Amino acid sequence: MKILIIEDDAEAAAYLAKALRETGHVVDHAADGLDGYALAEAGAYDVLVVDRMLPKLDGLSLIRSLREQGVTTPALIISALGQVDDRVKGLRAGGDDYLPKPYAFSELLARVEVLARRRGGAQEAEPTRYEVGDLALDRLSRRVTRGGGEIDLQPREFRLLEYLMKHAGQVVTRTMLLENVWDYHFDPQTNVIDVHVSRLRGKVDKGFDKAMIQTVRGAGYMLRDPARSD
């Protein structure tokens, strides 16, 4: 399981991250709300553990913003504010569970596992790795390689490539990209897609004779293995 901890208390975050890693989980950490939001919005996490009182962007606002952007990753809110009204506010902001501080790690772990199982039951788990020809993308390590060479991608480029690889061999329309990569449900009337596809193509296809990312005139884009003739 891949877990993101968003907690500004460095000592508490280090302890929690260490304990979760010892139970076999992959853990990332953000020390403030803005960094946490960026990671949660761009990353592929199974569960978020979010402190309510965060600098730059508080935990409830962070979760509310993620939900507005269509990010459905389960969120466990941890907070010293443990009254009924506080818990209700957390759940209404989009949190899936609320755990008052101080807490026992065993209880937090149990709640995290329940949230992950609940999500897994609601939808088929996505693969953690995609491969098309000599191009490989690992969702857990956030690593992309082609022909054995590593490709450095920005978060949005990674998300774009992940979507194209998920639909390899299929035409992906601009509307599909707007909705699933940018979380737009309207046309912003900009060339943002063309710019990002061009940058991504420059990184993925650089140094190779045959391009993997192809423009389908009047339809959209397609990522395919150039070694295949079909």
Protein backbone atom coordinates (compact mmCIF):
# COMPACT_ATOMS: atom_id res chain seq x y z
CA MET A 1 0.00 0.00 0.00
CA LYS A 2 1.23 3.51 -0.81
CA ILE A 3 0.43 6.08 1.88
CA LEU A 4 0.92 9.85 1.99
CA ILE A 5 1.36 11.44 5.41
CA ILE A 6 0.64 15.18 5.55
CA GLU A 7 1.86 16.27 8.97
CA ASP A 8 3.83 19.34 10.06
CA ASP A 9 5.12 17.81 13.31
CA ALA A 10 8.44 16.40 12.08
CA GLU A 11 8.90 14.03 15.03
CA ALA A 12 5.37 12.63 14.82
CA ALA A 13 5.61 12.26 11.04
CA ALA A 14 8.96 10.45 11.26
CA TYR A 15 7.63 8.05 13.87
CA LEU A 16 4.48 7.30 11.89
CA ALA A 17 6.35 6.88 8.61
CA LYS A 18 8.85 4.50 10.22
CA ALA A 19 6.08 2.43 11.80
CA LEU A 20 4.14 2.18 8.54
CA ARG A 21 7.24 1.21 6.56
CA GLU A 22 8.00 -1.50 9.12
CA THR A 23 4.58 -2.99 8.38
CA GLY A 24 5.45 -3.20 4.68
CA HIS A 25 3.96 0.01 3.28
CA VAL A 26 5.46 2.64 0.97
CA VAL A 27 5.28 6.07 2.60
CA ASP A 28 5.71 9.65 1.38
CA HIS A 29 5.61 12.71 3.63
CA ALA A 30 4.67 16.35 3.17
CA ALA A 31 5.25 18.92 5.92
CA ASP A 32 2.63 21.49 4.89
CA GLY A 33 -0.75 21.65 3.21
CA LEU A 34 0.38 23.02 -0.14
CA ASP A 35 3.07 20.38 -0.65
CA GLY A 36 0.64 17.74 0.55
CA TYR A 37 -2.00 18.87 -1.91
CA ALA A 38 0.47 18.81 -4.81
CA LEU A 39 1.58 15.26 -3.99
CA ALA A 40 -1.95 13.98 -3.40
CA GLU A 41 -3.26 15.59 -6.59
CA ALA A 42 -0.45 14.25 -8.76
CA GLY A 43 0.44 10.99 -7.05
CA ALA A 44 -1.16 7.53 -6.96
CA TYR A 45 -1.82 6.86 -3.27
CA ASP A 46 -4.05 4.29 -1.62
CA VAL A 47 -4.69 6.33 1.54
CA LEU A 48 -3.95 9.85 2.81
CA VAL A 49 -3.24 10.51 6.48
CA VAL A 50 -3.90 14.22 6.99
CA ASP A 51 -3.27 16.35 10.05
CA ARG A 52 -6.03 18.91 10.46
CA MET A 53 -3.87 21.84 11.59
CA LEU A 54 -1.34 22.43 8.82
CA PRO A 55 0.66 25.49 7.72
CA LYS A 56 -0.06 27.14 4.35
CA LEU A 57 -3.25 25.12 3.77
CA ASP A 58 -5.22 23.48 6.59
CA GLY A 59 -6.16 19.82 6.38
CA LEU A 60 -9.89 20.30 5.84
CA SER A 61 -9.36 22.82 3.04
CA LEU A 62 -6.82 20.46 1.47
CA ILE A 63 -9.26 17.54 1.43
CA ARG A 64 -12.13 19.71 0.25
CA SER A 65 -10.01 20.99 -2.66
CA LEU A 66 -8.97 17.45 -3.62
CA ARG A 67 -12.60 16.33 -3.69
CA GLU A 68 -13.53 19.32 -5.85
CA GLN A 69 -10.80 18.24 -8.29
CA GLY A 70 -12.19 14.71 -8.45
CA VAL A 71 -9.47 13.06 -6.33
CA THR A 72 -11.22 10.28 -4.40
CA THR A 73 -8.27 8.84 -2.46
CA PRO A 74 -9.52 7.89 1.05
CA ALA A 75 -8.39 10.36 3.71
CA LEU A 76 -7.93 9.68 7.42
CA ILE A 77 -7.89 12.94 9.38
CA ILE A 78 -5.80 13.03 12.55
CA SER A 79 -6.25 15.93 14.95
CA ALA A 80 -6.02 17.09 18.55
CA LEU A 81 -9.52 18.47 17.99
CA GLY A 82 -11.62 15.47 18.90
CA GLN A 83 -15.06 16.76 19.85
CA VAL A 84 -18.12 15.53 17.99
CA ASP A 85 -18.50 18.82 16.11
CA ASP A 86 -14.86 18.64 15.01
CA ARG A 87 -15.29 15.11 13.69
CA VAL A 88 -18.47 16.06 11.86
CA LYS A 89 -16.72 19.00 10.17
CA GLY A 90 -13.90 16.72 9.08
CA LEU A 91 -16.24 14.16 7.55
CA ARG A 92 -18.33 16.82 5.84
CA ALA A 93 -15.17 18.31 4.31
CA GLY A 94 -14.61 15.01 2.50
CA GLY A 95 -12.65 13.00 5.04
CA ASP A 96 -13.42 9.28 5.19
CA ASP A 97 -12.43 8.76 8.83
CA TYR A 98 -11.34 10.85 11.81
CA LEU A 99 -8.88 9.83 14.52
CA PRO A 100 -8.29 12.12 17.54
CA LYS A 101 -4.79 12.59 18.94
CA PRO A 102 -3.16 11.03 20.86
CA TYR A 103 -3.77 7.73 19.12
CA ALA A 104 -2.36 4.21 19.25
CA PHE A 105 -0.49 3.22 16.10
CA SER A 106 -2.32 -0.11 16.00
CA GLU A 107 -5.64 1.73 15.74
CA LEU A 108 -4.37 4.09 13.03
CA LEU A 109 -3.01 1.13 11.04
CA ALA A 110 -6.32 -0.72 11.35
CA ARG A 111 -8.26 2.33 10.13
CA VAL A 112 -5.88 2.84 7.20
CA GLU A 113 -6.26 -0.81 6.18
CA VAL A 114 -10.05 -0.58 6.39
CA LEU A 115 -10.06 2.50 4.14
CA ALA A 116 -7.82 0.76 1.61
CA ARG A 117 -10.02 -2.38 1.59
CA ARG A 118 -13.15 -0.28 1.24
CA ARG A 119 -11.67 1.48 -1.78
CA GLY A 120 -10.44 -1.76 -3.28
CA GLY A 121 -13.91 -3.23 -3.02
CA ALA A 122 -15.44 -0.27 -4.78
CA GLN A 123 -13.20 -0.47 -7.84
CA GLU A 124 -10.75 -2.84 -9.44
CA ALA A 125 -7.22 -2.11 -8.35
CA GLU A 126 -5.12 -0.50 -11.05
CA PRO A 127 -1.80 -2.10 -11.98
CA THR A 128 1.24 -0.52 -10.36
CA ARG A 129 3.29 -0.81 -13.54
CA TYR A 130 2.62 -0.22 -17.25
CA GLU A 131 4.82 -1.46 -20.10
CA VAL A 132 4.48 -0.70 -23.81
CA GLY A 133 7.35 -2.01 -25.89
CA ASP A 134 10.57 -0.77 -24.29
CA LEU A 135 8.74 1.99 -22.37
CA ALA A 136 7.98 1.29 -18.70
CA LEU A 137 6.20 3.35 -16.05
CA ASP A 138 6.17 2.41 -12.36
CA ARG A 139 3.36 4.14 -10.44
CA LEU A 140 4.83 3.36 -7.02
CA SER A 141 8.39 4.57 -7.56
CA ARG A 142 7.27 7.27 -10.04
CA ARG A 143 10.02 6.01 -12.38
CA VAL A 144 9.83 6.01 -16.17
CA THR A 145 12.35 4.32 -18.47
CA ARG A 146 12.68 3.64 -22.17
CA GLY A 147 15.26 1.26 -23.53
CA GLY A 148 16.72 1.09 -20.04
CA GLY A 149 17.34 4.86 -19.85
CA GLU A 150 15.54 6.88 -17.20
CA ILE A 151 13.19 9.70 -18.22
CA ASP A 152 12.68 12.63 -15.85
CA LEU A 153 9.06 13.83 -15.92
CA GLN A 154 7.17 16.60 -14.17
CA PRO A 155 4.05 15.48 -12.20
CA ARG A 156 1.60 16.49 -14.94
CA GLU A 157 3.74 14.84 -17.62
CA PHE A 158 3.82 11.66 -15.55
CA ARG A 159 0.05 11.69 -15.20
CA LEU A 160 -0.37 12.31 -18.93
CA LEU A 161 1.97 9.46 -19.86
CA GLU A 162 0.29 7.15 -17.35
CA TYR A 163 -3.09 7.81 -18.97
CA LEU A 164 -1.74 7.30 -22.49
CA MET A 165 -0.07 4.03 -21.48
CA LYS A 166 -3.21 2.85 -19.72
CA HIS A 167 -5.00 3.28 -23.06
CA ALA A 168 -2.12 2.16 -25.29
CA GLY A 169 -3.17 1.41 -28.86
CA GLN A 170 -6.36 3.45 -28.47
CA VAL A 171 -7.16 6.96 -29.65
CA VAL A 172 -7.32 9.30 -26.64
CA THR A 173 -9.35 12.43 -27.34
CA ARG A 174 -8.71 15.94 -26.03
CA THR A 175 -11.88 15.68 -23.93
CA MET A 176 -10.64 12.47 -22.32
CA LEU A 177 -7.34 14.14 -21.46
CA LEU A 178 -8.99 17.28 -20.11
CA GLU A 179 -11.24 15.26 -17.83
CA ASN A 180 -8.81 12.58 -16.67
CA VAL A 181 -5.44 14.37 -16.60
CA TRP A 182 -6.41 17.99 -15.91
CA ASP A 183 -9.72 17.31 -14.12
CA TYR A 184 -11.43 19.86 -16.37
CA HIS A 185 -15.03 19.20 -17.33
CA PHE A 186 -15.04 22.03 -19.82
CA ASP A 187 -12.79 23.18 -22.65
CA PRO A 188 -10.49 25.94 -21.33
CA GLN A 189 -9.86 27.04 -24.93
CA THR A 190 -6.09 26.86 -24.53
CA ASN A 191 -3.32 24.79 -26.14
CA VAL A 192 -2.32 23.29 -22.77
CA ILE A 193 -2.73 19.72 -24.06
CA ASP A 194 -0.69 20.33 -27.21
CA VAL A 195 2.10 21.92 -25.20
CA HIS A 196 2.30 19.08 -22.68
CA VAL A 197 2.07 16.35 -25.32
CA SER A 198 4.85 18.05 -27.28
CA ARG A 199 7.08 18.22 -24.18
CA LEU A 200 6.29 14.64 -23.26
CA ARG A 201 7.00 13.44 -26.80
CA GLY A 202 10.33 15.29 -26.71
CA LYS A 203 11.32 13.32 -23.61
CA VAL A 204 9.89 9.90 -24.44
CA ASP A 205 10.87 9.75 -28.14
CA LYS A 206 14.17 11.66 -27.97
CA GLY A 207 17.00 9.62 -29.47
CA PHE A 208 14.73 6.94 -30.94
CA ASP A 209 14.04 6.40 -34.64
CA LYS A 210 10.34 5.64 -34.20
CA ALA A 211 7.92 7.73 -32.13
CA MET A 212 5.61 6.13 -29.59
CA ILE A 213 3.34 9.14 -29.06
CA GLN A 214 1.43 9.82 -32.25
CA THR A 215 -1.04 12.54 -33.24
CA VAL A 216 -4.24 11.21 -34.79
CA ARG A 217 -5.39 14.12 -36.94
CA GLY A 218 -8.85 15.35 -36.03
CA ALA A 219 -9.21 12.81 -33.21
CA GLY A 220 -6.51 13.08 -30.54
CA TYR A 221 -3.41 11.11 -29.61
CA MET A 222 -2.29 7.52 -29.38
CA LEU A 223 0.62 5.81 -27.65
CA ARG A 224 1.66 2.56 -29.31
CA ASP A 225 4.63 0.25 -29.61
CA PRO A 226 6.31 1.23 -32.90
CA ALA A 227 7.68 -2.31 -33.24
CA ARG A 228 4.17 -3.65 -33.75
CA SER A 229 2.74 -3.66 -37.25
CA ASP A 230 -0.95 -3.93 -36.30
